[in-house]
């Protein structure tokens, strides 16, 4: 049975199958709304450019 997730934009149930080309969104409209929010800088990823990662994050393994 395929997973069902909520559309991040409108909350509609979305079946997670390869045939759903907009997943995790329910439609192209919701996908474009989300893209527009990123472009308008309504979403941000925390931290500052060049900032040292938090010491509580795991270190990268040595090669």
C-alpha atoms as a PDB file:
ATOM      1  CA  UNK A   1       0.000   0.000   0.000  1.00  0.00           C
ATOM      2  CA  UNK A   2       1.544   3.380  -1.011  1.00  0.00           C
ATOM      3  CA  UNK A   3       2.224   6.033   1.603  1.00  0.00           C
ATOM      4  CA  UNK A   4      -0.080   9.025   1.913  1.00  0.00           C
ATOM      5  CA  UNK A   5       1.447  12.390   2.853  1.00  0.00           C
ATOM      6  CA  UNK A   6       0.025  15.880   3.309  1.00  0.00           C
ATOM      7  CA  UNK A   7       0.713  18.490   0.633  1.00  0.00           C
ATOM      8  CA  UNK A   8       3.112  20.990   2.268  1.00  0.00           C
ATOM      9  CA  UNK A   9       1.183  23.905   0.763  1.00  0.00           C
ATOM     10  CA  UNK A  10      -2.502  23.102   1.260  1.00  0.00           C
ATOM     11  CA  UNK A  11      -2.604  19.974   3.435  1.00  0.00           C
ATOM     12  CA  UNK A  12      -4.456  17.775   0.925  1.00  0.00           C
ATOM     13  CA  UNK A  13      -3.710  14.036   1.148  1.00  0.00           C
ATOM     14  CA  UNK A  14      -1.247  12.988  -1.570  1.00  0.00           C
ATOM     15  CA  UNK A  15      -0.547   9.379  -2.538  1.00  0.00           C
ATOM     16  CA  UNK A  16       3.233   8.862  -2.777  1.00  0.00           C
ATOM     17  CA  UNK A  17       3.528   6.971  -6.089  1.00  0.00           C
ATOM     18  CA  UNK A  18       5.802   7.498  -9.110  1.00  0.00           C
ATOM     19  CA  UNK A  19       2.790   8.460 -11.242  1.00  0.00           C
ATOM     20  CA  UNK A  20       2.253  11.567  -9.089  1.00  0.00           C
ATOM     21  CA  UNK A  21       4.717  13.911 -10.792  1.00  0.00           C
ATOM     22  CA  UNK A  22       4.067  16.734  -8.294  1.00  0.00           C
ATOM     23  CA  UNK A  23       4.790  14.800  -5.088  1.00  0.00           C
ATOM     24  CA  UNK A  24       4.981  15.791  -2.301  1.00  0.00           C
ATOM     25  CA  UNK A  25       2.631  18.469  -3.631  1.00  0.00           C
ATOM     26  CA  UNK A  26      -0.925  17.745  -4.775  1.00  0.00           C
ATOM     27  CA  UNK A  27      -0.688  19.866  -7.925  1.00  0.00           C
ATOM     28  CA  UNK A  28       1.549  22.063 -10.018  1.00  0.00           C
ATOM     29  CA  UNK A  29      -0.179  25.089  -8.461  1.00  0.00           C
ATOM     30  CA  UNK A  30       0.885  24.107  -4.933  1.00  0.00           C
ATOM     31  CA  UNK A  31       4.397  23.343  -6.192  1.00  0.00           C
ATOM     32  CA  UNK A  32       4.644  26.815  -7.775  1.00  0.00           C
ATOM     33  CA  UNK A  33       3.301  28.514  -4.623  1.00  0.00           C
ATOM     34  CA  UNK A  34       6.070  26.828  -2.613  1.00  0.00           C
ATOM     35  CA  UNK A  35       8.734  27.789  -5.169  1.00  0.00           C
ATOM     36  CA  UNK A  36       7.490  31.383  -5.079  1.00  0.00           C
ATOM     37  CA  UNK A  37       7.777  31.436  -1.289  1.00  0.00           C
ATOM     38  CA  UNK A  38      11.430  30.324  -1.532  1.00  0.00           C
ATOM     39  CA  UNK A  39      12.099  32.945  -4.232  1.00  0.00           C
ATOM     40  CA  UNK A  40      10.524  35.647  -2.046  1.00  0.00           C
ATOM     41  CA  UNK A  41      12.783  34.472   0.824  1.00  0.00           C
ATOM     42  CA  UNK A  42       9.814  33.570   3.038  1.00  0.00           C
ATOM     43  CA  UNK A  43      11.718  30.395   3.922  1.00  0.00           C
ATOM     44  CA  UNK A  44      15.281  30.490   5.202  1.00  0.00           C
ATOM     45  CA  UNK A  45      17.817  27.932   6.295  1.00  0.00           C
ATOM     46  CA  UNK A  46      19.349  28.846   9.646  1.00  0.00           C
ATOM     47  CA  UNK A  47      22.936  29.893  10.108  1.00  0.00           C
ATOM     48  CA  UNK A  48      25.184  32.495   8.580  1.00  0.00           C
ATOM     49  CA  UNK A  49      27.477  32.088   5.574  1.00  0.00           C
ATOM     50  CA  UNK A  50      30.893  30.873   6.695  1.00  0.00           C
ATOM     51  CA  UNK A  51      29.618  30.098  10.198  1.00  0.00           C
ATOM     52  CA  UNK A  52      31.159  27.102  11.960  1.00  0.00           C
ATOM     53  CA  UNK A  53      28.675  24.254  12.424  1.00  0.00           C
ATOM     54  CA  UNK A  54      27.235  23.729  15.869  1.00  0.00           C
ATOM     55  CA  UNK A  55      29.508  21.632  18.109  1.00  0.00           C
ATOM     56  CA  UNK A  56      26.629  19.265  18.917  1.00  0.00           C
ATOM     57  CA  UNK A  57      26.463  18.080  15.294  1.00  0.00           C
ATOM     58  CA  UNK A  58      28.303  14.840  14.499  1.00  0.00           C
ATOM     59  CA  UNK A  59      31.659  15.197  12.797  1.00  0.00           C
ATOM     60  CA  UNK A  60      32.289  13.913   9.284  1.00  0.00           C
ATOM     61  CA  UNK A  61      34.044  10.534   9.393  1.00  0.00           C
ATOM     62  CA  UNK A  62      37.743  10.587   8.592  1.00  0.00           C
ATOM     63  CA  UNK A  63      38.809   8.824   5.387  1.00  0.00           C
END
